[in-house]
Amino acid sequence: MERELTQKQKILLVLAKRGSLTLEELERYTKIPRNSLLKNLSELAAEGKISRGWLHIGGKKYRKYSLKVSVLRELGID
C-alpha cells in the first residue's frame, strides 16, 4: 500500500533536491496550488524548517525559499 506524500513533504523534498527556489518555481515543481503553497511555506517557516529571503533580478524582487542547514543535516545532506 503506497502512501501519498503530504504537501509539506513534497516542498521539503523539492527544496532539498533543487536548493533555493522562488514561489513560481516551487509551484511548477510540486504542482501545489499557489494559495496552499503559501500557507504551507508560512507553516514551515514558523516550524523553523525553511528560511525566506529576497532575490533581485532585473530590478524585480522575488521571494526565495531555502531549507535550513539543520534540516539538511537531519536528512543527511551536507
PDB file of N, CA and C in Angstrom:
ATOM      1  N   MET A   1       0.844  -1.179   0.000  1.00  0.00           N
ATOM      2  CA  MET A   1       0.000   0.000   0.000  1.00  0.00           C
ATOM      3  C   MET A   1       0.887   1.240   0.000  1.00  0.00           C
ATOM      4  N   GLU A   2       0.797   2.041  -1.046  1.00  0.00           N
ATOM      5  CA  GLU A   2       1.617   3.242  -1.133  1.00  0.00           C
ATOM      6  C   GLU A   2       0.929   4.387  -0.405  1.00  0.00           C
ATOM      7  N   ARG A   3       1.765   5.199   0.229  1.00  0.00           N
ATOM      8  CA  ARG A   3       1.245   6.337   0.970  1.00  0.00           C
ATOM      9  C   ARG A   3       1.603   7.601   0.204  1.00  0.00           C
ATOM     10  N   GLU A   4       0.629   8.465   0.016  1.00  0.00           N
ATOM     11  CA  GLU A   4       0.832   9.729  -0.683  1.00  0.00           C
ATOM     12  C   GLU A   4       1.622  10.697   0.204  1.00  0.00           C
ATOM     13  N   LEU A   5       2.554  11.426  -0.394  1.00  0.00           N
ATOM     14  CA  LEU A   5       3.314  12.431   0.348  1.00  0.00           C
ATOM     15  C   LEU A   5       2.411  13.609   0.685  1.00  0.00           C
ATOM     16  N   THR A   6       2.633  14.214   1.859  1.00  0.00           N
ATOM     17  CA  THR A   6       1.890  15.425   2.195  1.00  0.00           C
ATOM     18  C   THR A   6       2.473  16.587   1.404  1.00  0.00           C
ATOM     19  N   GLN A   7       1.752  17.678   1.360  1.00  0.00           N
ATOM     20  CA  GLN A   7       2.241  18.849   0.626  1.00  0.00           C
ATOM     21  C   GLN A   7       3.542  19.364   1.240  1.00  0.00           C
ATOM     22  N   LYS A   8       3.626  19.372   2.557  1.00  0.00           N
ATOM     23  CA  LYS A   8       4.850  19.840   3.223  1.00  0.00           C
ATOM     24  C   LYS A   8       6.034  18.944   2.880  1.00  0.00           C
ATOM     25  N   GLN A   9       5.815  17.645   2.828  1.00  0.00           N
ATOM     26  CA  GLN A   9       6.893  16.715   2.479  1.00  0.00           C
ATOM     27  C   GLN A   9       7.365  16.944   1.049  1.00  0.00           C
ATOM     28  N   LYS A  10       6.416  17.199   0.135  1.00  0.00           N
ATOM     29  CA  LYS A  10       6.779  17.484  -1.253  1.00  0.00           C
ATOM     30  C   LYS A  10       7.649  18.736  -1.335  1.00  0.00           C
ATOM     31  N   ILE A  11       7.254  19.781  -0.617  1.00  0.00           N
ATOM     32  CA  ILE A  11       8.007  21.039  -0.620  1.00  0.00           C
ATOM     33  C   ILE A  11       9.421  20.807  -0.100  1.00  0.00           C
ATOM     34  N   LEU A  12       9.543  20.099   1.020  1.00  0.00           N
ATOM     35  CA  LEU A  12      10.867  19.843   1.604  1.00  0.00           C
ATOM     36  C   LEU A  12      11.738  19.005   0.676  1.00  0.00           C
ATOM     37  N   LEU A  13      11.158  18.015   0.030  1.00  0.00           N
ATOM     38  CA  LEU A  13      11.928  17.183  -0.899  1.00  0.00           C
ATOM     39  C   LEU A  13      12.430  17.982  -2.101  1.00  0.00           C
ATOM     40  N   VAL A  14      11.575  18.818  -2.655  1.00  0.00           N
ATOM     41  CA  VAL A  14      11.969  19.630  -3.816  1.00  0.00           C
ATOM     42  C   VAL A  14      13.061  20.623  -3.421  1.00  0.00           C
ATOM     43  N   LEU A  15      12.923  21.259  -2.257  1.00  0.00           N
ATOM     44  CA  LEU A  15      13.955  22.199  -1.798  1.00  0.00           C
ATOM     45  C   LEU A  15      15.274  21.484  -1.514  1.00  0.00           C
ATOM     46  N   ALA A  16      15.200  20.268  -0.976  1.00  0.00           N
ATOM     47  CA  ALA A  16      16.425  19.503  -0.699  1.00  0.00           C
ATOM     48  C   ALA A  16      17.134  19.143  -1.995  1.00  0.00           C
ATOM     49  N   LYS A  17      16.364  18.822  -3.019  1.00  0.00           N
ATOM     50  CA  LYS A  17      16.946  18.399  -4.287  1.00  0.00           C
ATOM     51  C   LYS A  17      17.435  19.572  -5.132  1.00  0.00           C
ATOM     52  N   ARG A  18      16.688  20.660  -5.153  1.00  0.00           N
ATOM     53  CA  ARG A  18      16.967  21.759  -6.077  1.00  0.00           C
ATOM     54  C   ARG A  18      17.595  22.992  -5.436  1.00  0.00           C
ATOM     55  N   GLY A  19      17.626  23.087  -4.102  1.00  0.00           N
ATOM     56  CA  GLY A  19      18.206  24.259  -3.451  1.00  0.00           C
ATOM     57  C   GLY A  19      17.180  25.374  -3.296  1.00  0.00           C
ATOM     58  N   SER A  20      17.625  26.614  -3.348  1.00  0.00           N
ATOM     59  CA  SER A  20      16.737  27.772  -3.190  1.00  0.00           C
ATOM     60  C   SER A  20      15.859  27.952  -4.418  1.00  0.00           C
ATOM     61  N   LEU A  21      14.565  28.187  -4.169  1.00  0.00           N
ATOM     62  CA  LEU A  21      13.610  28.355  -5.265  1.00  0.00           C
ATOM     63  C   LEU A  21      12.646  29.495  -4.980  1.00  0.00           C
ATOM     64  N   THR A  22      12.123  30.091  -6.043  1.00  0.00           N
ATOM     65  CA  THR A  22      11.088  31.108  -5.896  1.00  0.00           C
ATOM     66  C   THR A  22       9.730  30.411  -5.769  1.00  0.00           C
ATOM     67  N   LEU A  23       8.720  31.198  -5.434  1.00  0.00           N
ATOM     68  CA  LEU A  23       7.369  30.658  -5.303  1.00  0.00           C
ATOM     69  C   LEU A  23       6.890  30.039  -6.616  1.00  0.00           C
ATOM     70  N   GLU A  24       7.165  30.710  -7.719  1.00  0.00           N
ATOM     71  CA  GLU A  24       6.735  30.208  -9.030  1.00  0.00           C
ATOM     72  C   GLU A  24       7.411  28.876  -9.368  1.00  0.00           C
ATOM     73  N   GLU A  25       8.698  28.761  -9.038  1.00  0.00           N
ATOM     74  CA  GLU A  25       9.416  27.506  -9.296  1.00  0.00           C
ATOM     75  C   GLU A  25       8.871  26.381  -8.425  1.00  0.00           C
ATOM     76  N   LEU A  26       8.603  26.679  -7.154  1.00  0.00           N
ATOM     77  CA  LEU A  26       8.022  25.668  -6.267  1.00  0.00           C
ATOM     78  C   LEU A  26       6.659  25.222  -6.772  1.00  0.00           C
ATOM     79  N   GLU A  27       5.884  26.169  -7.242  1.00  0.00           N
ATOM     80  CA  GLU A  27       4.563  25.855  -7.782  1.00  0.00           C
ATOM     81  C   GLU A  27       4.682  24.908  -8.983  1.00  0.00           C
ATOM     82  N   ARG A  28       5.652  25.166  -9.848  1.00  0.00           N
ATOM     83  CA  ARG A  28       5.872  24.337 -11.030  1.00  0.00           C
ATOM     84  C   ARG A  28       6.346  22.931 -10.658  1.00  0.00           C
ATOM     85  N   TYR A  29       7.311  22.825  -9.744  1.00  0.00           N
ATOM     86  CA  TYR A  29       7.893  21.523  -9.413  1.00  0.00           C
ATOM     87  C   TYR A  29       6.997  20.653  -8.523  1.00  0.00           C
ATOM     88  N   THR A  30       6.199  21.277  -7.638  1.00  0.00           N
ATOM     89  CA  THR A  30       5.379  20.487  -6.713  1.00  0.00           C
ATOM     90  C   THR A  30       3.956  20.266  -7.206  1.00  0.00           C
ATOM     91  N   LYS A  31       3.510  21.089  -8.164  1.00  0.00           N
ATOM     92  CA  LYS A  31       2.125  21.027  -8.671  1.00  0.00           C
ATOM     93  C   LYS A  31       1.093  21.336  -7.567  1.00  0.00           C
ATOM     94  N   ILE A  32       1.519  22.097  -6.551  1.00  0.00           N
ATOM     95  CA  ILE A  32       0.630  22.506  -5.469  1.00  0.00           C
ATOM     96  C   ILE A  32       0.091  23.894  -5.810  1.00  0.00           C
ATOM     97  N   PRO A  33      -1.224  24.120  -5.658  1.00  0.00           N
ATOM     98  CA  PRO A  33      -1.798  25.447  -5.954  1.00  0.00           C
ATOM     99  C   PRO A  33      -1.137  26.549  -5.111  1.00  0.00           C
ATOM    100  N   ARG A  34      -1.042  27.735  -5.677  1.00  0.00           N
ATOM    101  CA  ARG A  34      -0.327  28.862  -5.066  1.00  0.00           C
ATOM    102  C   ARG A  34      -0.778  29.166  -3.628  1.00  0.00           C
ATOM    103  N   ASN A  35      -2.094  29.231  -3.383  1.00  0.00           N
ATOM    104  CA  ASN A  35      -2.587  29.559  -2.040  1.00  0.00           C
ATOM    105  C   ASN A  35      -2.201  28.505  -1.019  1.00  0.00           C
ATOM    106  N   SER A  36      -2.307  27.233  -1.380  1.00  0.00           N
ATOM    107  CA  SER A  36      -1.908  26.146  -0.480  1.00  0.00           C
ATOM    108  C   SER A  36      -0.405  26.186  -0.237  1.00  0.00           C
ATOM    109  N   LEU A  37       0.332  26.497  -1.280  1.00  0.00           N
ATOM    110  CA  LEU A  37       1.783  26.580  -1.187  1.00  0.00           C
ATOM    111  C   LEU A  37       2.194  27.678  -0.213  1.00  0.00           C
ATOM    112  N   LEU A  38       1.571  28.845  -0.319  1.00  0.00           N
ATOM    113  CA  LEU A  38       1.879  29.957   0.590  1.00  0.00           C
ATOM    114  C   LEU A  38       1.573  29.590   2.039  1.00  0.00           C
ATOM    115  N   LYS A  39       0.446  28.929   2.271  1.00  0.00           N
ATOM    116  CA  LYS A  39       0.065  28.513   3.620  1.00  0.00           C
ATOM    117  C   LYS A  39       1.094  27.533   4.181  1.00  0.00           C
ATOM    118  N   ASN A  40       1.470  26.531   3.385  1.00  0.00           N
ATOM    119  CA  ASN A  40       2.438  25.535   3.824  1.00  0.00           C
ATOM    120  C   ASN A  40       3.819  26.141   4.058  1.00  0.00           C
ATOM    121  N   LEU A  41       4.236  27.068   3.203  1.00  0.00           N
ATOM    122  CA  LEU A  41       5.539  27.714   3.371  1.00  0.00           C
ATOM    123  C   LEU A  41       5.572  28.547   4.649  1.00  0.00           C
ATOM    124  N   SER A  42       4.475  29.226   4.965  1.00  0.00           N
ATOM    125  CA  SER A  42       4.403  30.002   6.213  1.00  0.00           C
ATOM    126  C   SER A  42       4.503  29.088   7.426  1.00  0.00           C
ATOM    127  N   GLU A  43       3.817  27.945   7.368  1.00  0.00           N
ATOM    128  CA  GLU A  43       3.880  26.988   8.475  1.00  0.00           C
ATOM    129  C   GLU A  43       5.275  26.397   8.627  1.00  0.00           C
ATOM    130  N   LEU A  44       5.925  26.061   7.504  1.00  0.00           N
ATOM    131  CA  LEU A  44       7.280  25.509   7.555  1.00  0.00           C
ATOM    132  C   LEU A  44       8.273  26.536   8.097  1.00  0.00           C
ATOM    133  N   ALA A  45       8.079  27.806   7.753  1.00  0.00           N
ATOM    134  CA  ALA A  45       8.949  28.867   8.279  1.00  0.00           C
ATOM    135  C   ALA A  45       8.739  29.016   9.784  1.00  0.00           C
ATOM    136  N   ALA A  46       7.486  28.935  10.236  1.00  0.00           N
ATOM    137  CA  ALA A  46       7.184  29.036  11.667  1.00  0.00           C
ATOM    138  C   ALA A  46       7.768  27.846  12.436  1.00  0.00           C
ATOM    139  N   GLU A  47       7.813  26.682  11.791  1.00  0.00           N
ATOM    140  CA  GLU A  47       8.401  25.486  12.412  1.00  0.00           C
ATOM    141  C   GLU A  47       9.923  25.520  12.385  1.00  0.00           C
ATOM    142  N   GLY A  48      10.491  26.478  11.660  1.00  0.00           N
ATOM    143  CA  GLY A  48      11.939  26.622  11.591  1.00  0.00           C
ATOM    144  C   GLY A  48      12.613  25.671  10.609  1.00  0.00           C
ATOM    145  N   LYS A  49      11.873  25.161   9.648  1.00  0.00           N
ATOM    146  CA  LYS A  49      12.439  24.206   8.691  1.00  0.00           C
ATOM    147  C   LYS A  49      12.948  24.874   7.416  1.00  0.00           C
ATOM    148  N   ILE A  50      12.400  26.043   7.074  1.00  0.00           N
ATOM    149  CA  ILE A  50      12.866  26.763   5.885  1.00  0.00           C
ATOM    150  C   ILE A  50      13.175  28.206   6.252  1.00  0.00           C
ATOM    151  N   SER A  51      13.962  28.833   5.402  1.00  0.00           N
ATOM    152  CA  SER A  51      14.227  30.259   5.565  1.00  0.00           C
ATOM    153  C   SER A  51      13.752  30.970   4.306  1.00  0.00           C
ATOM    154  N   ARG A  52      13.407  32.242   4.469  1.00  0.00           N
ATOM    155  CA  ARG A  52      12.930  33.048   3.354  1.00  0.00           C
ATOM    156  C   ARG A  52      13.865  34.230   3.167  1.00  0.00           C
ATOM    157  N   GLY A  53      14.098  34.576   1.923  1.00  0.00           N
ATOM    158  CA  GLY A  53      14.941  35.721   1.610  1.00  0.00           C
ATOM    159  C   GLY A  53      14.450  36.370   0.338  1.00  0.00           C
ATOM    160  N   TRP A  54      15.218  37.336  -0.158  1.00  0.00           N
ATOM    161  CA  TRP A  54      14.833  38.039  -1.380  1.00  0.00           C
ATOM    162  C   TRP A  54      15.866  37.818  -2.456  1.00  0.00           C
ATOM    163  N   LEU A  55      15.394  37.690  -3.666  1.00  0.00           N
ATOM    164  CA  LEU A  55      16.232  37.526  -4.841  1.00  0.00           C
ATOM    165  C   LEU A  55      15.935  38.711  -5.761  1.00  0.00           C
ATOM    166  N   HIS A  56      16.979  39.444  -6.181  1.00  0.00           N
ATOM    167  CA  HIS A  56      16.797  40.607  -7.047  1.00  0.00           C
ATOM    168  C   HIS A  56      17.273  40.264  -8.460  1.00  0.00           C
ATOM    169  N   ILE A  57      16.332  40.310  -9.403  1.00  0.00           N
ATOM    170  CA  ILE A  57      16.662  40.015 -10.804  1.00  0.00           C
ATOM    171  C   ILE A  57      16.028  41.092 -11.683  1.00  0.00           C
ATOM    172  N   GLY A  58      16.857  41.771 -12.439  1.00  0.00           N
ATOM    173  CA  GLY A  58      16.356  42.774 -13.384  1.00  0.00           C
ATOM    174  C   GLY A  58      15.481  43.840 -12.752  1.00  0.00           C
ATOM    175  N   GLY A  59      15.836  44.306 -11.578  1.00  0.00           N
ATOM    176  CA  GLY A  59      15.071  45.348 -10.913  1.00  0.00           C
ATOM    177  C   GLY A  59      13.813  44.858 -10.217  1.00  0.00           C
ATOM    178  N   LYS A  60      13.548  43.556 -10.247  1.00  0.00           N
ATOM    179  CA  LYS A  60      12.378  42.985  -9.570  1.00  0.00           C
ATOM    180  C   LYS A  60      12.829  42.183  -8.359  1.00  0.00           C
ATOM    181  N   LYS A  61      11.956  42.124  -7.342  1.00  0.00           N
ATOM    182  CA  LYS A  61      12.237  41.331  -6.148  1.00  0.00           C
ATOM    183  C   LYS A  61      11.372  40.072  -6.162  1.00  0.00           C
ATOM    184  N   TYR A  62      11.999  38.942  -5.897  1.00  0.00           N
ATOM    185  CA  TYR A  62      11.285  37.671  -5.812  1.00  0.00           C
ATOM    186  C   TYR A  62      11.587  37.038  -4.454  1.00  0.00           C
ATOM    187  N   ARG A  63      10.582  36.422  -3.862  1.00  0.00           N
ATOM    188  CA  ARG A  63      10.780  35.724  -2.601  1.00  0.00           C
ATOM    189  C   ARG A  63      11.490  34.422  -2.894  1.00  0.00           C
ATOM    190  N   LYS A  64      12.533  34.111  -2.101  1.00  0.00           N
ATOM    191  CA  LYS A  64      13.336  32.906  -2.281  1.00  0.00           C
ATOM    192  C   LYS A  64      13.181  32.034  -1.033  1.00  0.00           C
ATOM    193  N   TYR A  65      12.967  30.757  -1.223  1.00  0.00           N
ATOM    194  CA  TYR A  65      12.786  29.811  -0.119  1.00  0.00           C
ATOM    195  C   TYR A  65      13.901  28.783  -0.137  1.00  0.00           C
ATOM    196  N   SER A  66      14.454  28.471   1.047  1.00  0.00           N
ATOM    197  CA  SER A  66      15.550  27.506   1.170  1.00  0.00           C
ATOM    198  C   SER A  66      15.345  26.661   2.417  1.00  0.00           C
ATOM    199  N   LEU A  67      15.887  25.442   2.370  1.00  0.00           N
ATOM    200  CA  LEU A  67      15.901  24.611   3.569  1.00  0.00           C
ATOM    201  C   LEU A  67      16.957  25.135   4.517  1.00  0.00           C
ATOM    202  N   LYS A  68      16.681  25.070   5.812  1.00  0.00           N
ATOM    203  CA  LYS A  68      17.688  25.472   6.785  1.00  0.00           C
ATOM    204  C   LYS A  68      18.746  24.373   6.880  1.00  0.00           C
ATOM    205  N   VAL A  69      19.954  24.753   7.235  1.00  0.00           N
ATOM    206  CA  VAL A  69      21.081  23.826   7.316  1.00  0.00           C
ATOM    207  C   VAL A  69      20.790  22.699   8.305  1.00  0.00           C
ATOM    208  N   SER A  70      20.118  23.001   9.406  1.00  0.00           N
ATOM    209  CA  SER A  70      19.803  21.972  10.406  1.00  0.00           C
ATOM    210  C   SER A  70      18.925  20.871   9.825  1.00  0.00           C
ATOM    211  N   VAL A  71      18.010  21.239   8.937  1.00  0.00           N
ATOM    212  CA  VAL A  71      17.138  20.250   8.296  1.00  0.00           C
ATOM    213  C   VAL A  71      17.946  19.409   7.317  1.00  0.00           C
ATOM    214  N   LEU A  72      18.859  20.056   6.586  1.00  0.00           N
ATOM    215  CA  LEU A  72      19.720  19.312   5.657  1.00  0.00           C
ATOM    216  C   LEU A  72      20.562  18.292   6.403  1.00  0.00           C
ATOM    217  N   ARG A  73      21.106  18.681   7.551  1.00  0.00           N
ATOM    218  CA  ARG A  73      21.913  17.742   8.361  1.00  0.00           C
ATOM    219  C   ARG A  73      21.049  16.601   8.878  1.00  0.00           C
ATOM    220  N   GLU A  74      19.821  16.934   9.279  1.00  0.00           N
ATOM    221  CA  GLU A  74      18.873  15.928   9.759  1.00  0.00           C
ATOM    222  C   GLU A  74      18.565  14.893   8.685  1.00  0.00           C
ATOM    223  N   LEU A  75      18.503  15.361   7.433  1.00  0.00           N
ATOM    224  CA  LEU A  75      18.232  14.460   6.306  1.00  0.00           C
ATOM    225  C   LEU A  75      19.496  13.737   5.821  1.00  0.00           C
ATOM    226  N   GLY A  76      20.658  14.140   6.349  1.00  0.00           N
ATOM    227  CA  GLY A  76      21.905  13.521   5.954  1.00  0.00           C
ATOM    228  C   GLY A  76      22.494  14.106   4.677  1.00  0.00           C
ATOM    229  N   ILE A  77      22.089  15.335   4.341  1.00  0.00           N
ATOM    230  CA  ILE A  77      22.580  16.014   3.150  1.00  0.00           C
ATOM    231  C   ILE A  77      23.481  17.160   3.604  1.00  0.00           C
ATOM    232  N   ASP A  78      24.757  17.100   3.235  1.00  0.00           N
ATOM    233  CA  ASP A  78      25.663  18.191   3.650  1.00  0.00           C
ATOM    234  C   ASP A  78      26.266  18.908   2.479  1.00  0.00           C
TER     235      ASP A  78
END
